[in-house]
mmCIF file of all heavy atoms, coordinates in Angstrom:
data_MODEL
# 
_entry.id   MODEL 
# 
loop_
_atom_site.group_PDB 
_atom_site.id 
_atom_site.type_symbol 
_atom_site.label_atom_id 
_atom_site.label_alt_id 
_atom_site.label_comp_id 
_atom_site.label_asym_id 
_atom_site.label_entity_id 
_atom_site.label_seq_id 
_atom_site.pdbx_PDB_ins_code 
_atom_site.Cartn_x 
_atom_site.Cartn_y 
_atom_site.Cartn_z 
_atom_site.occupancy 
_atom_site.B_iso_or_equiv 
_atom_site.pdbx_formal_charge 
_atom_site.auth_seq_id 
_atom_site.auth_comp_id 
_atom_site.auth_asym_id 
_atom_site.auth_atom_id 
_atom_site.pdbx_PDB_model_num 
ATOM 1   N N   . LEU A 1 1  ? 17.270 10.824  6.816  1.00 0.00 ? 1  LEU A N   1 
ATOM 2   C CA  . LEU A 1 1  ? 17.741 9.954   5.738  1.00 0.00 ? 1  LEU A CA  1 
ATOM 3   C C   . LEU A 1 1  ? 16.847 8.738   5.526  1.00 0.00 ? 1  LEU A C   1 
ATOM 4   O O   . LEU A 1 1  ? 17.041 7.983   4.565  1.00 0.00 ? 1  LEU A O   1 
ATOM 5   C CB  . LEU A 1 1  ? 19.176 9.483   6.043  1.00 0.00 ? 1  LEU A CB  1 
ATOM 6   C CG  . LEU A 1 1  ? 20.253 10.563  6.168  1.00 0.00 ? 1  LEU A CG  1 
ATOM 7   C CD1 . LEU A 1 1  ? 21.557 9.943   6.647  1.00 0.00 ? 1  LEU A CD1 1 
ATOM 8   C CD2 . LEU A 1 1  ? 20.444 11.270  4.830  1.00 0.00 ? 1  LEU A CD2 1 
ATOM 9   N N   . GLY A 1 2  ? 15.903 8.532   6.432  1.00 0.00 ? 2  GLY A N   1 
ATOM 10  C CA  . GLY A 1 2  ? 15.072 7.325   6.351  1.00 0.00 ? 2  GLY A CA  1 
ATOM 11  C C   . GLY A 1 2  ? 15.842 6.082   6.748  1.00 0.00 ? 2  GLY A C   1 
ATOM 12  O O   . GLY A 1 2  ? 15.486 4.964   6.376  1.00 0.00 ? 2  GLY A O   1 
ATOM 13  N N   . LYS A 1 3  ? 16.914 6.274   7.513  1.00 0.00 ? 3  LYS A N   1 
ATOM 14  C CA  . LYS A 1 3  ? 17.792 5.161   7.879  1.00 0.00 ? 3  LYS A CA  1 
ATOM 15  C C   . LYS A 1 3  ? 17.530 4.723   9.302  1.00 0.00 ? 3  LYS A C   1 
ATOM 16  O O   . LYS A 1 3  ? 17.513 5.527   10.229 1.00 0.00 ? 3  LYS A O   1 
ATOM 17  C CB  . LYS A 1 3  ? 19.255 5.601   7.725  1.00 0.00 ? 3  LYS A CB  1 
ATOM 18  C CG  . LYS A 1 3  ? 20.268 4.583   8.211  1.00 0.00 ? 3  LYS A CG  1 
ATOM 19  C CD  . LYS A 1 3  ? 21.675 5.152   8.110  1.00 0.00 ? 3  LYS A CD  1 
ATOM 20  C CE  . LYS A 1 3  ? 22.705 4.189   8.692  1.00 0.00 ? 3  LYS A CE  1 
ATOM 21  N NZ  . LYS A 1 3  ? 24.075 4.764   8.623  1.00 0.00 ? 3  LYS A NZ  1 
ATOM 22  N N   . TYR A 1 4  ? 17.332 3.419   9.483  1.00 0.00 ? 4  TYR A N   1 
ATOM 23  C CA  . TYR A 1 4  ? 17.203 2.845   10.820 1.00 0.00 ? 4  TYR A CA  1 
ATOM 24  C C   . TYR A 1 4  ? 18.209 1.704   10.940 1.00 0.00 ? 4  TYR A C   1 
ATOM 25  O O   . TYR A 1 4  ? 18.142 0.722   10.199 1.00 0.00 ? 4  TYR A O   1 
ATOM 26  C CB  . TYR A 1 4  ? 15.791 2.314   11.069 1.00 0.00 ? 4  TYR A CB  1 
ATOM 27  C CG  . TYR A 1 4  ? 15.627 1.642   12.421 1.00 0.00 ? 4  TYR A CG  1 
ATOM 28  C CD1 . TYR A 1 4  ? 15.534 2.402   13.586 1.00 0.00 ? 4  TYR A CD1 1 
ATOM 29  C CD2 . TYR A 1 4  ? 15.571 0.253   12.524 1.00 0.00 ? 4  TYR A CD2 1 
ATOM 30  C CE1 . TYR A 1 4  ? 15.397 1.800   14.821 1.00 0.00 ? 4  TYR A CE1 1 
ATOM 31  C CE2 . TYR A 1 4  ? 15.425 -0.353  13.763 1.00 0.00 ? 4  TYR A CE2 1 
ATOM 32  C CZ  . TYR A 1 4  ? 15.341 0.417   14.909 1.00 0.00 ? 4  TYR A CZ  1 
ATOM 33  O OH  . TYR A 1 4  ? 15.203 -0.193  16.138 1.00 0.00 ? 4  TYR A OH  1 
ATOM 34  N N   . ALA A 1 5  ? 19.164 1.840   11.841 1.00 0.00 ? 5  ALA A N   1 
ATOM 35  C CA  . ALA A 1 5  ? 20.189 0.820   12.049 1.00 0.00 ? 5  ALA A CA  1 
ATOM 36  C C   . ALA A 1 5  ? 20.146 0.315   13.479 1.00 0.00 ? 5  ALA A C   1 
ATOM 37  O O   . ALA A 1 5  ? 21.173 0.106   14.117 1.00 0.00 ? 5  ALA A O   1 
ATOM 38  C CB  . ALA A 1 5  ? 21.571 1.383   11.712 1.00 0.00 ? 5  ALA A CB  1 
ATOM 39  N N   . GLY A 1 6  ? 18.926 0.093   13.972 1.00 0.00 ? 6  GLY A N   1 
ATOM 40  C CA  . GLY A 1 6  ? 18.752 -0.275  15.378 1.00 0.00 ? 6  GLY A CA  1 
ATOM 41  C C   . GLY A 1 6  ? 18.455 -1.735  15.622 1.00 0.00 ? 6  GLY A C   1 
ATOM 42  O O   . GLY A 1 6  ? 18.115 -2.114  16.743 1.00 0.00 ? 6  GLY A O   1 
ATOM 43  N N   . PHE A 1 7  ? 18.562 -2.566  14.585 1.00 0.00 ? 7  PHE A N   1 
ATOM 44  C CA  . PHE A 1 7  ? 18.324 -4.000  14.777 1.00 0.00 ? 7  PHE A CA  1 
ATOM 45  C C   . PHE A 1 7  ? 19.624 -4.714  15.152 1.00 0.00 ? 7  PHE A C   1 
ATOM 46  O O   . PHE A 1 7  ? 20.683 -4.467  14.578 1.00 0.00 ? 7  PHE A O   1 
ATOM 47  C CB  . PHE A 1 7  ? 17.761 -4.647  13.507 1.00 0.00 ? 7  PHE A CB  1 
ATOM 48  C CG  . PHE A 1 7  ? 16.323 -4.319  13.247 1.00 0.00 ? 7  PHE A CG  1 
ATOM 49  C CD1 . PHE A 1 7  ? 15.926 -3.761  12.043 1.00 0.00 ? 7  PHE A CD1 1 
ATOM 50  C CD2 . PHE A 1 7  ? 15.346 -4.570  14.208 1.00 0.00 ? 7  PHE A CD2 1 
ATOM 51  C CE1 . PHE A 1 7  ? 14.609 -3.458  11.788 1.00 0.00 ? 7  PHE A CE1 1 
ATOM 52  C CE2 . PHE A 1 7  ? 14.019 -4.262  13.957 1.00 0.00 ? 7  PHE A CE2 1 
ATOM 53  C CZ  . PHE A 1 7  ? 13.643 -3.702  12.751 1.00 0.00 ? 7  PHE A CZ  1 
ATOM 54  N N   . GLN A 1 8  ? 19.517 -5.612  16.094 1.00 0.00 ? 8  GLN A N   1 
ATOM 55  C CA  . GLN A 1 8  ? 20.604 -6.512  16.463 1.00 0.00 ? 8  GLN A CA  1 
ATOM 56  C C   . GLN A 1 8  ? 19.992 -7.892  16.700 1.00 0.00 ? 8  GLN A C   1 
ATOM 57  O O   . GLN A 1 8  ? 18.885 -8.007  17.230 1.00 0.00 ? 8  GLN A O   1 
ATOM 58  C CB  . GLN A 1 8  ? 21.299 -6.046  17.747 1.00 0.00 ? 8  GLN A CB  1 
ATOM 59  C CG  . GLN A 1 8  ? 21.930 -4.665  17.672 1.00 0.00 ? 8  GLN A CG  1 
ATOM 60  C CD  . GLN A 1 8  ? 22.141 -4.070  19.049 1.00 0.00 ? 8  GLN A CD  1 
ATOM 61  O OE1 . GLN A 1 8  ? 21.200 -3.635  19.690 1.00 0.00 ? 8  GLN A OE1 1 
ATOM 62  N NE2 . GLN A 1 8  ? 23.392 -4.078  19.503 1.00 0.00 ? 8  GLN A NE2 1 
ATOM 63  N N   . ALA A 1 9  ? 20.707 -8.909  16.311 1.00 0.00 ? 9  ALA A N   1 
ATOM 64  C CA  . ALA A 1 9  ? 20.186 -10.258 16.507 1.00 0.00 ? 9  ALA A CA  1 
ATOM 65  C C   . ALA A 1 9  ? 21.312 -11.199 16.896 1.00 0.00 ? 9  ALA A C   1 
ATOM 66  O O   . ALA A 1 9  ? 22.486 -10.961 16.585 1.00 0.00 ? 9  ALA A O   1 
ATOM 67  C CB  . ALA A 1 9  ? 19.487 -10.769 15.249 1.00 0.00 ? 9  ALA A CB  1 
ATOM 68  N N   . ALA A 1 10 ? 20.965 -12.255 17.579 1.00 0.00 ? 10 ALA A N   1 
ATOM 69  C CA  . ALA A 1 10 ? 21.920 -13.302 17.943 1.00 0.00 ? 10 ALA A CA  1 
ATOM 70  C C   . ALA A 1 10 ? 21.237 -14.646 17.745 1.00 0.00 ? 10 ALA A C   1 
ATOM 71  O O   . ALA A 1 10 ? 20.099 -14.839 18.187 1.00 0.00 ? 10 ALA A O   1 
ATOM 72  C CB  . ALA A 1 10 ? 22.380 -13.142 19.393 1.00 0.00 ? 10 ALA A CB  1 
ATOM 73  N N   . ILE A 1 11 ? 21.905 -15.546 17.051 1.00 0.00 ? 11 ILE A N   1 
ATOM 74  C CA  . ILE A 1 11 ? 21.342 -16.870 16.800 1.00 0.00 ? 11 ILE A CA  1 
ATOM 75  C C   . ILE A 1 11 ? 22.381 -17.938 17.135 1.00 0.00 ? 11 ILE A C   1 
ATOM 76  O O   . ILE A 1 11 ? 23.579 -17.668 17.163 1.00 0.00 ? 11 ILE A O   1 
ATOM 77  C CB  . ILE A 1 11 ? 20.886 -17.059 15.340 1.00 0.00 ? 11 ILE A CB  1 
ATOM 78  C CG1 . ILE A 1 11 ? 22.094 -16.968 14.381 1.00 0.00 ? 11 ILE A CG1 1 
ATOM 79  C CG2 . ILE A 1 11 ? 19.804 -16.064 14.960 1.00 0.00 ? 11 ILE A CG2 1 
ATOM 80  C CD1 . ILE A 1 11 ? 21.794 -17.417 12.970 1.00 0.00 ? 11 ILE A CD1 1 
ATOM 81  N N   . THR A 1 12 ? 21.904 -19.140 17.375 1.00 0.00 ? 12 THR A N   1 
ATOM 82  C CA  . THR A 1 12 ? 22.761 -20.307 17.553 1.00 0.00 ? 12 THR A CA  1 
ATOM 83  C C   . THR A 1 12 ? 22.391 -21.323 16.483 1.00 0.00 ? 12 THR A C   1 
ATOM 84  O O   . THR A 1 12 ? 21.281 -21.867 16.511 1.00 0.00 ? 12 THR A O   1 
ATOM 85  C CB  . THR A 1 12 ? 22.578 -20.936 18.950 1.00 0.00 ? 12 THR A CB  1 
ATOM 86  O OG1 . THR A 1 12 ? 22.874 -19.967 19.957 1.00 0.00 ? 12 THR A OG1 1 
ATOM 87  C CG2 . THR A 1 12 ? 23.496 -22.149 19.117 1.00 0.00 ? 12 THR A CG2 1 
ATOM 88  N N   . PRO A 1 13 ? 23.284 -21.564 15.518 1.00 0.00 ? 13 PRO A N   1 
ATOM 89  C CA  . PRO A 1 13 ? 22.959 -22.566 14.498 1.00 0.00 ? 13 PRO A CA  1 
ATOM 90  C C   . PRO A 1 13 ? 22.843 -23.959 15.106 1.00 0.00 ? 13 PRO A C   1 
ATOM 91  O O   . PRO A 1 13 ? 23.586 -24.316 16.030 1.00 0.00 ? 13 PRO A O   1 
ATOM 92  C CB  . PRO A 1 13 ? 24.154 -22.485 13.533 1.00 0.00 ? 13 PRO A CB  1 
ATOM 93  C CG  . PRO A 1 13 ? 24.754 -21.127 13.768 1.00 0.00 ? 13 PRO A CG  1 
ATOM 94  C CD  . PRO A 1 13 ? 24.548 -20.869 15.220 1.00 0.00 ? 13 PRO A CD  1 
ATOM 95  N N   . SER A 1 14 ? 21.916 -24.756 14.580 1.00 0.00 ? 14 SER A N   1 
ATOM 96  C CA  . SER A 1 14 ? 21.784 -26.142 15.014 1.00 0.00 ? 14 SER A CA  1 
ATOM 97  C C   . SER A 1 14 ? 22.996 -26.941 14.533 1.00 0.00 ? 14 SER A C   1 
ATOM 98  O O   . SER A 1 14 ? 23.584 -26.629 13.505 1.00 0.00 ? 14 SER A O   1 
ATOM 99  C CB  . SER A 1 14 ? 20.509 -26.764 14.437 1.00 0.00 ? 14 SER A CB  1 
ATOM 100 O OG  . SER A 1 14 ? 19.363 -26.072 14.895 1.00 0.00 ? 14 SER A OG  1 
ATOM 101 N N   . ARG A 1 15 ? 23.361 -27.963 15.269 1.00 0.00 ? 15 ARG A N   1 
ATOM 102 C CA  . ARG A 1 15 ? 24.453 -28.828 14.835 1.00 0.00 ? 15 ARG A CA  1 
ATOM 103 C C   . ARG A 1 15 ? 24.140 -30.267 15.231 1.00 0.00 ? 15 ARG A C   1 
ATOM 104 O O   . ARG A 1 15 ? 23.120 -30.538 15.851 1.00 0.00 ? 15 ARG A O   1 
ATOM 105 C CB  . ARG A 1 15 ? 25.794 -28.381 15.383 1.00 0.00 ? 15 ARG A CB  1 
ATOM 106 C CG  . ARG A 1 15 ? 25.960 -28.468 16.888 1.00 0.00 ? 15 ARG A CG  1 
ATOM 107 C CD  . ARG A 1 15 ? 27.438 -28.550 17.234 1.00 0.00 ? 15 ARG A CD  1 
ATOM 108 N NE  . ARG A 1 15 ? 28.051 -29.690 16.580 1.00 0.00 ? 15 ARG A NE  1 
ATOM 109 C CZ  . ARG A 1 15 ? 29.329 -29.735 16.211 1.00 0.00 ? 15 ARG A CZ  1 
ATOM 110 N NH1 . ARG A 1 15 ? 30.116 -28.700 16.424 1.00 0.00 ? 15 ARG A NH1 1 
ATOM 111 N NH2 . ARG A 1 15 ? 29.835 -30.820 15.632 1.00 0.00 ? 15 ARG A NH2 1 
ATOM 112 N N   . ASN A 1 16 ? 25.026 -31.177 14.846 1.00 0.00 ? 16 ASN A N   1 
ATOM 113 C CA  . ASN A 1 16 ? 24.778 -32.596 15.018 1.00 0.00 ? 16 ASN A CA  1 
ATOM 114 C C   . ASN A 1 16 ? 25.635 -33.186 16.134 1.00 0.00 ? 16 ASN A C   1 
ATOM 115 O O   . ASN A 1 16 ? 26.563 -32.558 16.626 1.00 0.00 ? 16 ASN A O   1 
ATOM 116 C CB  . ASN A 1 16 ? 25.101 -33.336 13.716 1.00 0.00 ? 16 ASN A CB  1 
ATOM 117 C CG  . ASN A 1 16 ? 26.552 -33.137 13.304 1.00 0.00 ? 16 ASN A CG  1 
ATOM 118 O OD1 . ASN A 1 16 ? 27.009 -32.007 13.146 1.00 0.00 ? 16 ASN A OD1 1 
ATOM 119 N ND2 . ASN A 1 16 ? 27.292 -34.221 13.140 1.00 0.00 ? 16 ASN A ND2 1 
ATOM 120 N N   . PHE A 1 17 ? 25.305 -34.429 16.515 1.00 0.00 ? 17 PHE A N   1 
ATOM 121 C CA  . PHE A 1 17 ? 26.169 -35.192 17.409 1.00 0.00 ? 17 PHE A CA  1 
ATOM 122 C C   . PHE A 1 17 ? 27.334 -35.749 16.595 1.00 0.00 ? 17 PHE A C   1 
ATOM 123 O O   . PHE A 1 17 ? 27.146 -36.274 15.503 1.00 0.00 ? 17 PHE A O   1 
ATOM 124 C CB  . PHE A 1 17 ? 25.415 -36.372 18.032 1.00 0.00 ? 17 PHE A CB  1 
ATOM 125 C CG  . PHE A 1 17 ? 24.363 -35.979 19.032 1.00 0.00 ? 17 PHE A CG  1 
ATOM 126 C CD1 . PHE A 1 17 ? 23.018 -36.003 18.694 1.00 0.00 ? 17 PHE A CD1 1 
ATOM 127 C CD2 . PHE A 1 17 ? 24.722 -35.604 20.312 1.00 0.00 ? 17 PHE A CD2 1 
ATOM 128 C CE1 . PHE A 1 17 ? 22.045 -35.657 19.615 1.00 0.00 ? 17 PHE A CE1 1 
ATOM 129 C CE2 . PHE A 1 17 ? 23.751 -35.256 21.250 1.00 0.00 ? 17 PHE A CE2 1 
ATOM 130 C CZ  . PHE A 1 17 ? 22.405 -35.273 20.895 1.00 0.00 ? 17 PHE A CZ  1 
ATOM 131 N N   . GLU A 1 18 ? 28.540 -35.666 17.144 1.00 0.00 ? 18 GLU A N   1 
ATOM 132 C CA  . GLU A 1 18 ? 29.700 -36.285 16.515 1.00 0.00 ? 18 GLU A CA  1 
ATOM 133 C C   . GLU A 1 18 ? 30.417 -37.243 17.456 1.00 0.00 ? 18 GLU A C   1 
ATOM 134 O O   . GLU A 1 18 ? 31.180 -38.095 17.007 1.00 0.00 ? 18 GLU A O   1 
ATOM 135 C CB  . GLU A 1 18 ? 30.680 -35.216 16.012 1.00 0.00 ? 18 GLU A CB  1 
ATOM 136 C CG  . GLU A 1 18 ? 30.125 -34.424 14.847 1.00 0.00 ? 18 GLU A CG  1 
ATOM 137 C CD  . GLU A 1 18 ? 31.149 -33.491 14.231 1.00 0.00 ? 18 GLU A CD  1 
ATOM 138 O OE1 . GLU A 1 18 ? 32.338 -33.557 14.637 1.00 0.00 ? 18 GLU A OE1 1 
ATOM 139 O OE2 . GLU A 1 18 ? 30.776 -32.688 13.365 1.00 0.00 ? 18 GLU A OE2 1 
ATOM 140 N N   . MET A 1 19 ? 30.184 -37.092 18.732 1.00 0.00 ? 19 MET A N   1 
ATOM 141 C CA  . MET A 1 19 ? 30.828 -37.968 19.694 1.00 0.00 ? 19 MET A CA  1 
ATOM 142 C C   . MET A 1 19 ? 29.866 -38.229 20.842 1.00 0.00 ? 19 MET A C   1 
ATOM 143 O O   . MET A 1 19 ? 29.354 -37.285 21.456 1.00 0.00 ? 19 MET A O   1 
ATOM 144 C CB  . MET A 1 19 ? 32.109 -37.326 20.233 1.00 0.00 ? 19 MET A CB  1 
ATOM 145 C CG  . MET A 1 19 ? 32.885 -38.226 21.191 1.00 0.00 ? 19 MET A CG  1 
ATOM 146 S SD  . MET A 1 19 ? 34.226 -37.370 22.041 1.00 0.00 ? 19 MET A SD  1 
ATOM 147 C CE  . MET A 1 19 ? 35.079 -36.596 20.677 1.00 0.00 ? 19 MET A CE  1 
ATOM 148 N N   . VAL A 1 20 ? 29.582 -39.478 21.105 1.00 0.00 ? 20 VAL A N   1 
ATOM 149 C CA  . VAL A 1 20 ? 28.704 -39.857 22.210 1.00 0.00 ? 20 VAL A CA  1 
ATOM 150 C C   . VAL A 1 20 ? 29.517 -40.717 23.175 1.00 0.00 ? 20 VAL A C   1 
ATOM 151 O O   . VAL A 1 20 ? 30.112 -41.725 22.776 1.00 0.00 ? 20 VAL A O   1 
ATOM 152 C CB  . VAL A 1 20 ? 27.478 -40.644 21.707 1.00 0.00 ? 20 VAL A CB  1 
ATOM 153 C CG1 . VAL A 1 20 ? 26.637 -41.117 22.883 1.00 0.00 ? 20 VAL A CG1 1 
ATOM 154 C CG2 . VAL A 1 20 ? 26.644 -39.789 20.767 1.00 0.00 ? 20 VAL A CG2 1 
ATOM 155 N N   . VAL A 1 21 ? 29.571 -40.301 24.438 1.00 0.00 ? 21 VAL A N   1 
ATOM 156 C CA  . VAL A 1 21 ? 30.268 -41.058 25.472 1.00 0.00 ? 21 VAL A CA  1 
ATOM 157 C C   . VAL A 1 21 ? 29.221 -41.638 26.409 1.00 0.00 ? 21 VAL A C   1 
ATOM 158 O O   . VAL A 1 21 ? 28.402 -40.902 26.977 1.00 0.00 ? 21 VAL A O   1 
ATOM 159 C CB  . VAL A 1 21 ? 31.249 -40.167 26.262 1.00 0.00 ? 21 VAL A CB  1 
ATOM 160 C CG1 . VAL A 1 21 ? 31.922 -40.964 27.372 1.00 0.00 ? 21 VAL A CG1 1 
ATOM 161 C CG2 . VAL A 1 21 ? 32.290 -39.566 25.329 1.00 0.00 ? 21 VAL A CG2 1 
ATOM 162 N N   . PHE A 1 22 ? 29.234 -42.937 26.555 1.00 0.00 ? 22 PHE A N   1 
ATOM 163 C CA  . PHE A 1 22 ? 28.240 -43.629 27.382 1.00 0.00 ? 22 PHE A CA  1 
ATOM 164 C C   . PHE A 1 22 ? 28.994 -44.413 28.444 1.00 0.00 ? 22 PHE A C   1 
ATOM 165 O O   . PHE A 1 22 ? 29.844 -45.248 28.140 1.00 0.00 ? 22 PHE A O   1 
ATOM 166 C CB  . PHE A 1 22 ? 27.409 -44.584 26.517 1.00 0.00 ? 22 PHE A CB  1 
ATOM 167 C CG  . PHE A 1 22 ? 26.167 -45.104 27.182 1.00 0.00 ? 22 PHE A CG  1 
ATOM 168 C CD1 . PHE A 1 22 ? 24.935 -44.549 26.902 1.00 0.00 ? 22 PHE A CD1 1 
ATOM 169 C CD2 . PHE A 1 22 ? 26.231 -46.154 28.096 1.00 0.00 ? 22 PHE A CD2 1 
ATOM 170 C CE1 . PHE A 1 22 ? 23.787 -45.035 27.512 1.00 0.00 ? 22 PHE A CE1 1 
ATOM 171 C CE2 . PHE A 1 22 ? 25.096 -46.634 28.710 1.00 0.00 ? 22 PHE A CE2 1 
ATOM 172 C CZ  . PHE A 1 22 ? 23.866 -46.073 28.426 1.00 0.00 ? 22 PHE A CZ  1 
ATOM 173 N N   . ASN A 1 23 ? 28.714 -44.129 29.703 1.00 0.00 ? 23 ASN A N   1 
ATOM 174 C CA  . ASN A 1 23 ? 29.382 -44.813 30.801 1.00 0.00 ? 23 ASN A CA  1 
ATOM 175 C C   . ASN A 1 23 ? 28.541 -46.012 31.245 1.00 0.00 ? 23 ASN A C   1 
ATOM 176 O O   . ASN A 1 23 ? 27.395 -45.862 31.668 1.00 0.00 ? 23 ASN A O   1 
ATOM 177 C CB  . ASN A 1 23 ? 29.591 -43.865 31.979 1.00 0.00 ? 23 ASN A CB  1 
ATOM 178 C CG  . ASN A 1 23 ? 30.519 -42.714 31.621 1.00 0.00 ? 23 ASN A CG  1 
ATOM 179 O OD1 . ASN A 1 23 ? 31.576 -42.926 31.035 1.00 0.00 ? 23 ASN A OD1 1 
ATOM 180 N ND2 . ASN A 1 23 ? 30.105 -41.496 31.940 1.00 0.00 ? 23 ASN A ND2 1 
ATOM 181 N N   . LEU A 1 24 ? 29.107 -47.191 31.136 1.00 0.00 ? 24 LEU A N   1 
ATOM 182 C CA  . LEU A 1 24 ? 28.416 -48.433 31.478 1.00 0.00 ? 24 LEU A CA  1 
ATOM 183 C C   . LEU A 1 24 ? 29.095 -49.055 32.697 1.00 0.00 ? 24 LEU A C   1 
ATOM 184 O O   . LEU A 1 24 ? 30.309 -49.283 32.713 1.00 0.00 ? 24 LEU A O   1 
ATOM 185 C CB  . LEU A 1 24 ? 28.473 -49.405 30.296 1.00 0.00 ? 24 LEU A CB  1 
ATOM 186 C CG  . LEU A 1 24 ? 27.879 -50.794 30.515 1.00 0.00 ? 24 LEU A CG  1 
ATOM 187 C CD1 . LEU A 1 24 ? 26.383 -50.708 30.755 1.00 0.00 ? 24 LEU A CD1 1 
ATOM 188 C CD2 . LEU A 1 24 ? 28.189 -51.685 29.331 1.00 0.00 ? 24 LEU A CD2 1 
ATOM 189 N N   . ASN A 1 25 ? 28.317 -49.306 33.718 1.00 0.00 ? 25 ASN A N   1 
ATOM 190 C CA  . ASN A 1 25 ? 28.821 -49.962 34.914 1.00 0.00 ? 25 ASN A CA  1 
ATOM 191 C C   . ASN A 1 25 ? 28.262 -51.379 34.986 1.00 0.00 ? 25 ASN A C   1 
ATOM 192 O O   . ASN A 1 25 ? 27.057 -51.600 34.838 1.00 0.00 ? 25 ASN A O   1 
ATOM 193 C CB  . ASN A 1 25 ? 28.417 -49.184 36.165 1.00 0.00 ? 25 ASN A CB  1 
ATOM 194 C CG  . ASN A 1 25 ? 28.877 -49.864 37.444 1.00 0.00 ? 25 ASN A CG  1 
ATOM 195 O OD1 . ASN A 1 25 ? 28.131 -50.625 38.061 1.00 0.00 ? 25 ASN A OD1 1 
ATOM 196 N ND2 . ASN A 1 25 ? 30.099 -49.578 37.851 1.00 0.00 ? 25 ASN A ND2 1 
ATOM 197 N N   . VAL A 1 26 ? 29.152 -52.332 35.183 1.00 0.00 ? 26 VAL A N   1 
ATOM 198 C CA  . VAL A 1 26 ? 28.750 -53.734 35.313 1.00 0.00 ? 26 VAL A CA  1 
ATOM 199 C C   . VAL A 1 26 ? 28.850 -54.120 36.785 1.00 0.00 ? 26 VAL A C   1 
ATOM 200 O O   . VAL A 1 26 ? 29.910 -53.959 37.399 1.00 0.00 ? 26 VAL A O   1 
ATOM 201 C CB  . VAL A 1 26 ? 29.652 -54.657 34.462 1.00 0.00 ? 26 VAL A CB  1 
ATOM 202 C CG1 . VAL A 1 26 ? 29.240 -56.107 34.621 1.00 0.00 ? 26 VAL A CG1 1 
ATOM 203 C CG2 . VAL A 1 26 ? 29.584 -54.241 32.995 1.00 0.00 ? 26 VAL A CG2 1 
ATOM 204 N N   . THR A 1 27 ? 27.772 -54.597 37.353 1.00 0.00 ? 27 THR A N   1 
ATOM 205 C CA  . THR A 1 27 ? 27.748 -54.935 38.770 1.00 0.00 ? 27 THR A CA  1 
ATOM 206 C C   . THR A 1 27 ? 27.475 -56.422 38.961 1.00 0.00 ? 27 THR A C   1 
ATOM 207 O O   . THR A 1 27 ? 26.804 -57.068 38.145 1.00 0.00 ? 27 THR A O   1 
ATOM 208 C CB  . THR A 1 27 ? 26.678 -54.124 39.515 1.00 0.00 ? 27 THR A CB  1 
ATOM 209 O OG1 . THR A 1 27 ? 26.652 -54.528 40.879 1.00 0.00 ? 27 THR A OG1 1 
ATOM 210 C CG2 . THR A 1 27 ? 25.300 -54.338 38.905 1.00 0.00 ? 27 THR A CG2 1 
# 
């Protein structure tokens, strides 16, 4: 049939920062 269905792919879309937690210690 001229058919090839042997491709598979996996991707991870890029995304942004929405929450930043910064731990500050005062000494």
